[in-house]
N, C-alpha and C. Protein backbone atom coordinates (compact mmCIF):
# COMPACT_ATOMS: atom_id res chain seq x y z
N MET A 1 123.02 69.12 148.37
CA MET A 1 121.99 68.15 148.27
C MET A 1 121.17 68.46 147.00
N ALA A 2 120.86 67.39 146.23
CA ALA A 2 120.13 67.56 144.98
C ALA A 2 118.65 67.73 145.26
N ARG A 3 118.08 68.55 144.44
CA ARG A 3 116.65 68.80 144.58
C ARG A 3 115.85 67.74 143.84
N THR A 4 114.76 67.28 144.40
CA THR A 4 113.92 66.29 143.72
C THR A 4 113.03 67.00 142.70
N ARG A 5 112.86 66.34 141.58
CA ARG A 5 112.01 66.93 140.53
C ARG A 5 110.56 66.55 140.76
N ARG A 6 109.72 67.49 140.45
CA ARG A 6 108.29 67.21 140.55
C ARG A 6 107.81 66.61 139.23
N LYS A 7 106.93 65.65 139.32
CA LYS A 7 106.33 65.08 138.12
C LYS A 7 105.22 65.99 137.63
N LYS A 8 105.09 66.00 136.30
CA LYS A 8 103.99 66.79 135.74
C LYS A 8 102.68 66.07 136.02
N PRO A 9 101.63 66.82 136.29
CA PRO A 9 100.34 66.17 136.57
C PRO A 9 99.81 65.45 135.32
N TYR A 10 99.06 64.40 135.53
CA TYR A 10 98.49 63.62 134.44
C TYR A 10 97.49 64.46 133.68
N ASN A 11 97.64 64.51 132.37
CA ASN A 11 96.72 65.26 131.53
C ASN A 11 96.08 64.27 130.55
N PRO A 12 94.79 63.90 130.74
CA PRO A 12 94.16 62.92 129.86
C PRO A 12 93.95 63.45 128.44
N ALA A 13 94.00 64.76 128.25
CA ALA A 13 93.80 65.33 126.92
C ALA A 13 95.05 65.17 126.05
N LYS A 14 96.19 64.94 126.66
CA LYS A 14 97.41 64.78 125.90
C LYS A 14 97.39 63.44 125.18
N VAL A 15 97.67 63.45 123.89
CA VAL A 15 97.58 62.24 123.08
C VAL A 15 98.84 61.42 123.26
N HIS A 16 98.64 60.12 123.39
CA HIS A 16 99.75 59.19 123.53
C HIS A 16 100.35 58.90 122.15
N ASN A 17 101.64 58.91 122.03
CA ASN A 17 102.32 58.62 120.77
C ASN A 17 102.33 57.11 120.58
N ARG A 18 101.57 56.63 119.57
CA ARG A 18 101.48 55.20 119.31
C ARG A 18 102.41 54.77 118.18
N GLN A 19 103.30 55.64 117.74
CA GLN A 19 104.17 55.33 116.61
C GLN A 19 105.30 54.41 117.06
N SER A 20 105.50 53.36 116.28
CA SER A 20 106.56 52.39 116.60
C SER A 20 107.89 52.91 116.08
N HIS A 21 108.93 52.67 116.84
CA HIS A 21 110.27 53.08 116.42
C HIS A 21 111.15 51.86 116.17
N ASP A 22 110.61 50.66 116.41
CA ASP A 22 111.36 49.43 116.19
C ASP A 22 111.04 48.89 114.81
N LEU A 23 112.05 48.69 114.01
CA LEU A 23 111.87 48.11 112.69
C LEU A 23 112.83 46.95 112.52
N PRO A 24 112.42 45.94 111.76
CA PRO A 24 113.36 44.86 111.48
C PRO A 24 114.59 45.38 110.75
N ARG A 25 115.63 44.60 110.76
CA ARG A 25 116.91 45.02 110.22
C ARG A 25 116.85 45.41 108.75
N ASN A 26 116.16 44.63 107.91
CA ASN A 26 116.13 44.91 106.49
C ASN A 26 114.78 45.46 106.02
N ALA A 27 114.12 46.22 106.85
CA ALA A 27 112.81 46.76 106.52
C ALA A 27 112.93 47.91 105.53
N GLU A 28 112.00 47.94 104.59
CA GLU A 28 111.86 49.07 103.67
C GLU A 28 110.45 49.58 103.85
N VAL A 29 110.31 50.74 104.46
CA VAL A 29 108.99 51.27 104.78
C VAL A 29 108.84 52.68 104.24
N ALA A 30 107.59 53.09 104.11
CA ALA A 30 107.26 54.45 103.69
C ALA A 30 106.09 54.93 104.54
N ALA A 31 106.07 56.21 104.82
CA ALA A 31 105.00 56.79 105.62
C ALA A 31 103.76 56.99 104.75
N ILE A 32 102.60 56.70 105.33
CA ILE A 32 101.33 56.89 104.63
C ILE A 32 100.32 57.38 105.66
N GLU A 33 99.41 58.23 105.23
CA GLU A 33 98.39 58.77 106.12
C GLU A 33 97.13 57.93 105.98
N VAL A 34 96.63 57.38 107.09
CA VAL A 34 95.45 56.52 107.09
C VAL A 34 94.45 57.01 108.13
N ASP A 35 93.22 56.49 108.06
CA ASP A 35 92.21 56.83 109.06
C ASP A 35 92.63 56.28 110.42
N ASP A 36 92.40 57.07 111.46
CA ASP A 36 92.78 56.67 112.82
C ASP A 36 91.71 55.73 113.38
N PRO A 37 92.05 54.45 113.63
CA PRO A 37 91.04 53.54 114.17
C PRO A 37 90.64 53.87 115.61
N LEU A 38 91.48 54.59 116.33
CA LEU A 38 91.17 54.96 117.71
C LEU A 38 90.79 56.43 117.85
N GLY A 39 90.58 57.10 116.72
CA GLY A 39 90.26 58.52 116.74
C GLY A 39 88.88 58.79 117.30
N LEU A 40 88.74 59.93 117.92
CA LEU A 40 87.46 60.31 118.51
C LEU A 40 86.54 60.98 117.50
N GLU A 41 87.11 61.67 116.55
CA GLU A 41 86.34 62.35 115.52
C GLU A 41 86.40 61.57 114.21
N PRO A 42 85.30 61.48 113.47
CA PRO A 42 85.38 60.82 112.16
C PRO A 42 86.28 61.64 111.23
N GLY A 43 87.12 60.95 110.51
CA GLY A 43 88.04 61.64 109.60
C GLY A 43 89.39 61.92 110.22
N ASP A 44 89.61 61.54 111.48
CA ASP A 44 90.94 61.71 112.08
C ASP A 44 91.94 60.85 111.33
N LYS A 45 93.12 61.38 111.12
CA LYS A 45 94.16 60.68 110.37
C LYS A 45 95.39 60.49 111.26
N ILE A 46 96.14 59.42 110.98
CA ILE A 46 97.42 59.20 111.62
C ILE A 46 98.41 58.80 110.54
N VAL A 47 99.68 58.94 110.85
CA VAL A 47 100.73 58.52 109.93
C VAL A 47 101.16 57.12 110.33
N ALA A 48 101.09 56.20 109.36
CA ALA A 48 101.48 54.82 109.59
C ALA A 48 102.61 54.47 108.63
N LEU A 49 103.32 53.41 108.93
CA LEU A 49 104.38 52.94 108.06
C LEU A 49 103.90 51.70 107.32
N ARG A 50 104.10 51.69 106.01
CA ARG A 50 103.75 50.51 105.23
C ARG A 50 105.01 49.94 104.61
N SER A 51 105.03 48.64 104.48
CA SER A 51 106.18 47.97 103.91
C SER A 51 106.14 48.10 102.39
N VAL A 52 107.26 48.47 101.80
CA VAL A 52 107.34 48.60 100.34
C VAL A 52 108.38 47.64 99.77
N ARG A 53 108.85 46.70 100.59
CA ARG A 53 109.93 45.82 100.14
C ARG A 53 109.49 44.92 99.00
N ASN A 54 108.32 44.31 99.08
CA ASN A 54 107.86 43.40 98.04
C ASN A 54 106.71 43.99 97.23
N ASP A 55 106.59 45.30 97.23
CA ASP A 55 105.51 45.96 96.51
C ASP A 55 106.08 47.09 95.66
N PRO A 56 106.45 46.81 94.40
CA PRO A 56 107.05 47.87 93.58
C PRO A 56 106.10 49.03 93.31
N LEU A 57 104.79 48.77 93.25
CA LEU A 57 103.84 49.85 93.01
C LEU A 57 103.83 50.83 94.19
N ALA A 58 103.83 50.32 95.41
CA ALA A 58 103.86 51.19 96.58
C ALA A 58 105.19 51.92 96.68
N ARG A 59 106.29 51.26 96.30
CA ARG A 59 107.60 51.92 96.33
C ARG A 59 107.63 53.09 95.35
N LEU A 60 107.14 52.88 94.13
CA LEU A 60 107.13 53.97 93.15
C LEU A 60 106.23 55.11 93.60
N HIS A 61 105.10 54.77 94.22
CA HIS A 61 104.18 55.81 94.71
C HIS A 61 104.78 56.58 95.88
N SER A 62 105.46 55.89 96.78
CA SER A 62 106.03 56.57 97.95
C SER A 62 107.20 57.47 97.56
N HIS A 63 107.90 57.14 96.47
CA HIS A 63 108.99 57.98 95.99
C HIS A 63 108.52 59.03 94.99
N ARG A 64 107.22 59.19 94.85
CA ARG A 64 106.60 60.20 93.99
C ARG A 64 106.91 59.99 92.50
N HIS A 65 107.12 58.74 92.09
CA HIS A 65 107.30 58.45 90.67
C HIS A 65 105.97 58.20 89.98
N LEU A 66 104.92 57.92 90.78
CA LEU A 66 103.57 57.72 90.27
C LEU A 66 102.63 58.70 90.95
N ASP A 67 101.65 59.18 90.20
CA ASP A 67 100.64 60.03 90.84
C ASP A 67 99.53 59.12 91.39
N GLU A 68 98.55 59.74 92.02
CA GLU A 68 97.51 58.97 92.72
C GLU A 68 96.65 58.16 91.75
N ALA A 69 96.33 58.71 90.58
CA ALA A 69 95.52 57.98 89.61
C ALA A 69 96.25 56.74 89.09
N GLN A 70 97.54 56.88 88.82
CA GLN A 70 98.32 55.74 88.36
C GLN A 70 98.39 54.66 89.44
N TYR A 71 98.59 55.08 90.68
CA TYR A 71 98.66 54.13 91.80
C TYR A 71 97.33 53.40 91.97
N GLN A 72 96.23 54.13 91.96
CA GLN A 72 94.91 53.51 92.12
C GLN A 72 94.58 52.60 90.95
N ALA A 73 95.02 52.96 89.74
CA ALA A 73 94.79 52.10 88.57
C ALA A 73 95.56 50.79 88.72
N GLY A 74 96.78 50.87 89.21
CA GLY A 74 97.55 49.66 89.45
C GLY A 74 96.89 48.78 90.49
N ARG A 75 96.38 49.37 91.56
CA ARG A 75 95.69 48.60 92.60
C ARG A 75 94.40 47.98 92.05
N ALA A 76 93.68 48.71 91.19
CA ALA A 76 92.46 48.16 90.60
C ALA A 76 92.79 46.97 89.71
N PHE A 77 93.89 47.06 88.94
CA PHE A 77 94.32 45.94 88.10
C PHE A 77 94.67 44.74 88.98
N GLN A 78 95.40 44.97 90.07
CA GLN A 78 95.75 43.88 90.97
C GLN A 78 94.51 43.25 91.59
N ASN A 79 93.53 44.08 91.95
CA ASN A 79 92.29 43.57 92.53
C ASN A 79 91.54 42.70 91.52
N ASP A 80 91.45 43.15 90.26
CA ASP A 80 90.79 42.36 89.23
C ASP A 80 91.54 41.04 89.00
N TRP A 81 92.86 41.10 89.02
CA TRP A 81 93.64 39.88 88.81
C TRP A 81 93.39 38.88 89.93
N GLU A 82 93.33 39.35 91.18
CA GLU A 82 93.07 38.46 92.30
C GLU A 82 91.67 37.86 92.23
N ARG A 83 90.70 38.66 91.82
CA ARG A 83 89.34 38.13 91.69
C ARG A 83 89.25 37.08 90.59
N ALA A 84 89.86 37.37 89.45
CA ALA A 84 89.78 36.45 88.32
C ALA A 84 90.57 35.18 88.59
N GLU A 85 91.64 35.27 89.33
CA GLU A 85 92.49 34.11 89.59
C GLU A 85 91.85 33.12 90.53
N ARG A 86 90.90 33.55 91.34
CA ARG A 86 90.29 32.72 92.36
C ARG A 86 89.29 31.72 91.80
N GLY A 87 89.19 31.60 90.51
CA GLY A 87 88.19 30.75 89.88
C GLY A 87 88.44 29.27 90.04
N PRO A 88 87.81 28.47 89.19
CA PRO A 88 87.95 27.02 89.29
C PRO A 88 89.39 26.59 89.04
N ARG A 89 89.80 25.55 89.75
CA ARG A 89 91.15 25.03 89.64
C ARG A 89 91.16 23.75 88.81
N ALA A 90 92.27 23.48 88.21
CA ALA A 90 92.42 22.25 87.44
C ALA A 90 92.51 21.05 88.39
N VAL A 91 92.09 19.92 87.91
CA VAL A 91 92.15 18.70 88.71
C VAL A 91 93.59 18.20 88.71
N ASP A 92 94.10 17.89 89.89
CA ASP A 92 95.46 17.39 90.01
C ASP A 92 95.41 15.86 90.05
N PRO A 93 95.81 15.17 88.97
CA PRO A 93 95.69 13.70 88.94
C PRO A 93 96.68 13.01 89.87
N THR A 94 97.69 13.71 90.36
CA THR A 94 98.67 13.08 91.24
C THR A 94 98.16 12.97 92.68
N ARG A 95 97.13 13.72 93.01
CA ARG A 95 96.60 13.66 94.37
C ARG A 95 95.72 12.43 94.54
N GLU A 96 95.68 11.95 95.76
CA GLU A 96 94.89 10.77 96.06
C GLU A 96 93.40 11.12 96.02
N TYR A 97 92.60 10.22 95.43
CA TYR A 97 91.17 10.44 95.34
C TYR A 97 90.54 10.22 96.72
N VAL A 98 89.67 11.12 97.10
CA VAL A 98 89.00 11.04 98.40
C VAL A 98 87.51 11.16 98.17
N ASP A 99 86.74 10.24 98.77
CA ASP A 99 85.28 10.33 98.66
C ASP A 99 84.80 11.55 99.43
N GLY A 100 83.72 12.11 98.96
CA GLY A 100 83.13 13.26 99.65
C GLY A 100 83.91 14.53 99.42
N GLY A 101 84.56 14.64 98.29
CA GLY A 101 85.30 15.85 97.96
C GLY A 101 84.37 17.02 97.79
N GLN A 102 84.91 18.19 97.84
CA GLN A 102 84.10 19.39 97.72
C GLN A 102 83.65 19.60 96.28
N ALA A 103 82.46 20.14 96.14
CA ALA A 103 81.95 20.47 94.81
C ALA A 103 82.72 21.68 94.28
N ARG A 104 82.81 21.76 92.99
CA ARG A 104 83.52 22.89 92.40
C ARG A 104 82.77 24.19 92.68
N GLU A 105 83.55 25.21 92.89
CA GLU A 105 82.98 26.52 93.17
C GLU A 105 82.59 27.18 91.85
N PRO A 106 81.35 27.62 91.73
CA PRO A 106 80.94 28.24 90.45
C PRO A 106 81.59 29.61 90.27
N ILE A 107 81.68 30.02 89.03
CA ILE A 107 82.24 31.34 88.71
C ILE A 107 81.19 32.39 89.05
N THR A 108 81.58 33.38 89.83
CA THR A 108 80.65 34.43 90.24
C THR A 108 80.60 35.54 89.21
N GLU A 109 79.62 36.39 89.36
CA GLU A 109 79.48 37.53 88.45
C GLU A 109 80.64 38.49 88.58
N GLY A 110 81.15 38.66 89.80
CA GLY A 110 82.31 39.54 90.01
C GLY A 110 83.55 39.01 89.31
N GLN A 111 83.74 37.69 89.33
CA GLN A 111 84.87 37.10 88.62
C GLN A 111 84.73 37.29 87.12
N ARG A 112 83.54 37.10 86.61
CA ARG A 112 83.31 37.25 85.18
C ARG A 112 83.59 38.68 84.72
N LYS A 113 83.14 39.66 85.50
CA LYS A 113 83.38 41.06 85.16
C LYS A 113 84.87 41.40 85.26
N ALA A 114 85.54 40.83 86.25
CA ALA A 114 86.98 41.07 86.39
C ALA A 114 87.74 40.53 85.18
N VAL A 115 87.37 39.35 84.71
CA VAL A 115 88.02 38.78 83.53
C VAL A 115 87.76 39.63 82.31
N LEU A 116 86.55 40.14 82.16
CA LEU A 116 86.23 41.01 81.02
C LEU A 116 87.06 42.29 81.06
N ARG A 117 87.20 42.89 82.27
CA ARG A 117 88.02 44.10 82.39
C ARG A 117 89.48 43.80 82.08
N LEU A 118 89.99 42.65 82.56
CA LEU A 118 91.38 42.28 82.28
C LEU A 118 91.60 42.06 80.78
N ASN A 119 90.64 41.44 80.11
CA ASN A 119 90.76 41.24 78.67
C ASN A 119 90.78 42.58 77.94
N HIS A 120 89.95 43.51 78.39
CA HIS A 120 89.93 44.85 77.78
C HIS A 120 91.26 45.56 78.02
N CYS A 121 91.80 45.43 79.22
CA CYS A 121 93.10 46.03 79.54
C CYS A 121 94.20 45.45 78.66
N GLU A 122 94.17 44.15 78.46
CA GLU A 122 95.20 43.51 77.63
C GLU A 122 95.13 43.99 76.19
N ARG A 123 93.92 44.16 75.67
CA ARG A 123 93.78 44.68 74.30
C ARG A 123 94.28 46.10 74.19
N GLU A 124 94.00 46.93 75.21
CA GLU A 124 94.40 48.33 75.18
C GLU A 124 95.91 48.51 75.34
N LEU A 125 96.52 47.69 76.20
CA LEU A 125 97.95 47.84 76.48
C LEU A 125 98.83 47.19 75.42
N GLY A 126 98.31 46.22 74.72
CA GLY A 126 99.12 45.50 73.75
C GLY A 126 99.92 44.40 74.44
N ALA A 127 100.61 43.62 73.64
CA ALA A 127 101.33 42.47 74.19
C ALA A 127 102.48 42.91 75.10
N ASP A 128 103.27 43.89 74.64
CA ASP A 128 104.43 44.32 75.43
C ASP A 128 104.00 45.04 76.71
N GLY A 129 103.05 45.95 76.60
CA GLY A 129 102.58 46.67 77.79
C GLY A 129 101.89 45.75 78.79
N SER A 130 101.12 44.80 78.27
CA SER A 130 100.44 43.85 79.15
C SER A 130 101.45 42.97 79.89
N ALA A 131 102.50 42.54 79.18
CA ALA A 131 103.54 41.72 79.82
C ALA A 131 104.28 42.53 80.89
N LEU A 132 104.57 43.80 80.61
CA LEU A 132 105.27 44.65 81.56
C LEU A 132 104.42 44.88 82.82
N VAL A 133 103.15 45.21 82.62
CA VAL A 133 102.25 45.44 83.75
C VAL A 133 102.10 44.15 84.56
N HIS A 134 101.98 43.03 83.90
CA HIS A 134 101.84 41.75 84.59
C HIS A 134 103.09 41.43 85.41
N ASP A 135 104.29 41.68 84.83
CA ASP A 135 105.53 41.42 85.56
C ASP A 135 105.64 42.26 86.82
N VAL A 136 105.28 43.54 86.72
CA VAL A 136 105.44 44.45 87.85
C VAL A 136 104.31 44.28 88.87
N LEU A 137 103.06 44.27 88.40
CA LEU A 137 101.93 44.28 89.33
C LEU A 137 101.56 42.91 89.88
N VAL A 138 101.77 41.86 89.10
CA VAL A 138 101.38 40.52 89.56
C VAL A 138 102.58 39.78 90.16
N HIS A 139 103.72 39.81 89.46
CA HIS A 139 104.90 39.10 89.94
C HIS A 139 105.75 39.94 90.89
N GLY A 140 105.51 41.25 90.97
CA GLY A 140 106.24 42.11 91.91
C GLY A 140 107.69 42.34 91.52
N MET A 141 107.98 42.39 90.23
CA MET A 141 109.35 42.59 89.77
C MET A 141 109.71 44.07 89.75
N SER A 142 110.99 44.35 89.97
CA SER A 142 111.48 45.72 89.85
C SER A 142 111.85 45.96 88.40
N MET A 143 112.18 47.21 88.06
CA MET A 143 112.55 47.53 86.68
C MET A 143 113.83 46.80 86.27
N GLU A 144 114.72 46.64 87.22
CA GLU A 144 115.97 45.93 86.94
C GLU A 144 115.69 44.46 86.63
N GLN A 145 114.79 43.86 87.40
CA GLN A 145 114.44 42.45 87.17
C GLN A 145 113.70 42.28 85.85
N VAL A 146 112.86 43.24 85.50
CA VAL A 146 112.16 43.18 84.21
C VAL A 146 113.16 43.21 83.07
N GLY A 147 114.15 44.08 83.17
CA GLY A 147 115.18 44.16 82.13
C GLY A 147 116.00 42.89 82.05
N GLU A 148 116.38 42.34 83.20
CA GLU A 148 117.17 41.11 83.21
C GLU A 148 116.38 39.95 82.62
N ARG A 149 115.08 39.91 82.89
CA ARG A 149 114.25 38.83 82.34
C ARG A 149 114.22 38.90 80.82
N ARG A 150 114.30 40.09 80.28
CA ARG A 150 114.29 40.26 78.82
C ARG A 150 115.70 40.29 78.23
N GLY A 151 116.71 40.15 79.08
CA GLY A 151 118.09 40.16 78.61
C GLY A 151 118.61 41.55 78.28
N LEU A 152 118.01 42.57 78.91
CA LEU A 152 118.39 43.97 78.66
C LEU A 152 118.85 44.59 79.96
N ARG A 153 120.13 44.89 80.05
CA ARG A 153 120.70 45.46 81.27
C ARG A 153 121.15 46.88 81.01
N GLY A 154 121.23 47.65 82.08
CA GLY A 154 121.71 49.02 81.99
C GLY A 154 120.68 50.03 82.45
N GLN A 155 121.18 51.20 82.79
CA GLN A 155 120.32 52.26 83.32
C GLN A 155 119.31 52.76 82.28
N ARG A 156 119.73 52.82 81.03
CA ARG A 156 118.82 53.30 79.98
C ARG A 156 117.61 52.38 79.84
N TRP A 157 117.84 51.07 79.96
CA TRP A 157 116.71 50.14 79.86
C TRP A 157 115.82 50.24 81.08
N LYS A 158 116.38 50.44 82.28
CA LYS A 158 115.56 50.61 83.48
C LYS A 158 114.70 51.87 83.35
N ASP A 159 115.29 52.95 82.85
CA ASP A 159 114.53 54.18 82.64
C ASP A 159 113.42 53.97 81.61
N TYR A 160 113.75 53.23 80.54
CA TYR A 160 112.74 52.96 79.51
C TYR A 160 111.57 52.19 80.08
N PHE A 161 111.85 51.11 80.85
CA PHE A 161 110.77 50.30 81.41
C PHE A 161 109.96 51.10 82.43
N ALA A 162 110.60 51.97 83.19
CA ALA A 162 109.87 52.81 84.15
C ALA A 162 108.95 53.78 83.42
N ARG A 163 109.45 54.39 82.35
CA ARG A 163 108.63 55.32 81.56
C ARG A 163 107.48 54.57 80.90
N ARG A 164 107.76 53.38 80.37
CA ARG A 164 106.72 52.58 79.72
C ARG A 164 105.67 52.13 80.73
N LEU A 165 106.09 51.78 81.95
CA LEU A 165 105.13 51.40 82.99
C LEU A 165 104.21 52.56 83.34
N ARG A 166 104.77 53.77 83.44
CA ARG A 166 103.92 54.94 83.72
C ARG A 166 102.91 55.17 82.61
N GLU A 167 103.33 54.96 81.35
CA GLU A 167 102.39 55.09 80.23
C GLU A 167 101.27 54.05 80.34
N CYS A 168 101.63 52.82 80.68
CA CYS A 168 100.63 51.76 80.83
C CYS A 168 99.68 52.06 81.99
N LEU A 169 100.22 52.57 83.09
CA LEU A 169 99.35 52.92 84.23
C LEU A 169 98.44 54.10 83.90
N ASP A 170 98.92 55.03 83.08
CA ASP A 170 98.05 56.11 82.60
C ASP A 170 96.88 55.53 81.80
N ARG A 171 97.19 54.56 80.94
CA ARG A 171 96.16 53.92 80.12
C ARG A 171 95.18 53.16 81.01
N LEU A 172 95.70 52.47 82.03
CA LEU A 172 94.82 51.76 82.96
C LEU A 172 93.93 52.73 83.74
N ALA A 173 94.47 53.89 84.09
CA ALA A 173 93.66 54.89 84.79
C ALA A 173 92.51 55.36 83.92
N LEU A 174 92.75 55.48 82.62
CA LEU A 174 91.66 55.83 81.70
C LEU A 174 90.64 54.71 81.62
N ILE A 175 91.10 53.47 81.55
CA ILE A 175 90.20 52.32 81.43
C ILE A 175 89.32 52.18 82.68
N TYR A 176 89.92 52.34 83.85
CA TYR A 176 89.17 52.19 85.10
C TYR A 176 88.41 53.46 85.50
N GLY A 177 88.51 54.50 84.70
CA GLY A 177 87.75 55.72 84.97
C GLY A 177 88.32 56.56 86.09
N LEU A 178 89.62 56.44 86.34
CA LEU A 178 90.25 57.20 87.42
C LEU A 178 90.84 58.51 86.93
N SER A 179 90.92 58.70 85.64
CA SER A 179 91.41 59.97 85.08
C SER A 179 90.75 60.19 83.73
N THR A 180 90.93 61.38 83.21
CA THR A 180 90.41 61.70 81.89
C THR A 180 91.57 61.85 80.94
N ALA A 181 91.29 61.81 79.66
CA ALA A 181 92.34 61.91 78.65
C ALA A 181 92.99 63.29 78.72
N ALA A 182 94.30 63.33 78.48
CA ALA A 182 95.03 64.60 78.46
C ALA A 182 94.59 65.40 77.26
N PRO A 183 94.56 66.73 77.35
CA PRO A 183 94.18 67.55 76.20
C PRO A 183 95.16 67.34 75.04
N ALA A 184 94.68 67.56 73.84
CA ALA A 184 95.52 67.37 72.65
C ALA A 184 96.72 68.31 72.72
N GLY A 185 97.88 67.80 72.38
CA GLY A 185 99.10 68.62 72.40
C GLY A 185 99.76 68.66 73.76
N HIS A 186 99.15 68.03 74.75
CA HIS A 186 99.75 68.04 76.09
C HIS A 186 100.83 66.97 76.16
N VAL A 187 102.04 67.38 76.48
CA VAL A 187 103.15 66.45 76.60
C VAL A 187 103.52 66.37 78.06
N ARG A 188 103.59 65.16 78.56
CA ARG A 188 103.91 64.96 79.97
C ARG A 188 105.43 64.96 80.13
N THR A 189 105.93 65.73 81.07
CA THR A 189 107.37 65.81 81.28
C THR A 189 107.82 64.73 82.24
N ALA A 190 109.06 64.31 82.08
CA ALA A 190 109.62 63.28 82.96
C ALA A 190 109.85 63.87 84.33
N ARG A 191 109.58 63.07 85.36
CA ARG A 191 109.81 63.53 86.75
C ARG A 191 111.17 63.09 87.20
N ARG A 192 111.86 63.96 87.85
CA ARG A 192 113.18 63.61 88.38
C ARG A 192 113.20 63.82 89.85
């Protein structure tokens, strides 16, 4: 005759595992540590999964190709772009005229400052660097897609665009005040 097992007594101090194990079929995720919204102590952290499928900046950061300053500079650029883009819209003459339409939204001080920062970034990065940063951070293109858009295929071109993007993000980190200039004679080595 088989013996019945005893259940362990309920222990309220034992933490429940809230981590999901179900992912969609084509999910691309990376682990990130965030503040615990259900934590009892301030500063409690949990590991969460974030999607990196349509976010090349998060993908590069999760694979350790970008450091924290470069990642935060890219996010600051994206934030400024979203603020500046939200401004007044052009009138669409194909739409039907409706009485009582909404008044145009005025440009806020935050939008004006975002545009000024973006203009400064564009001057600092130059035409090629600005186009590369715009393709990756605004349009969400991968290095392969950036090369194909310019008619340049191959691993050497992907490596070149990745290295150039890191240089541009370093420059953005300086502009946004997230890092300081490297000492003279300091050469940054490629990460593998």
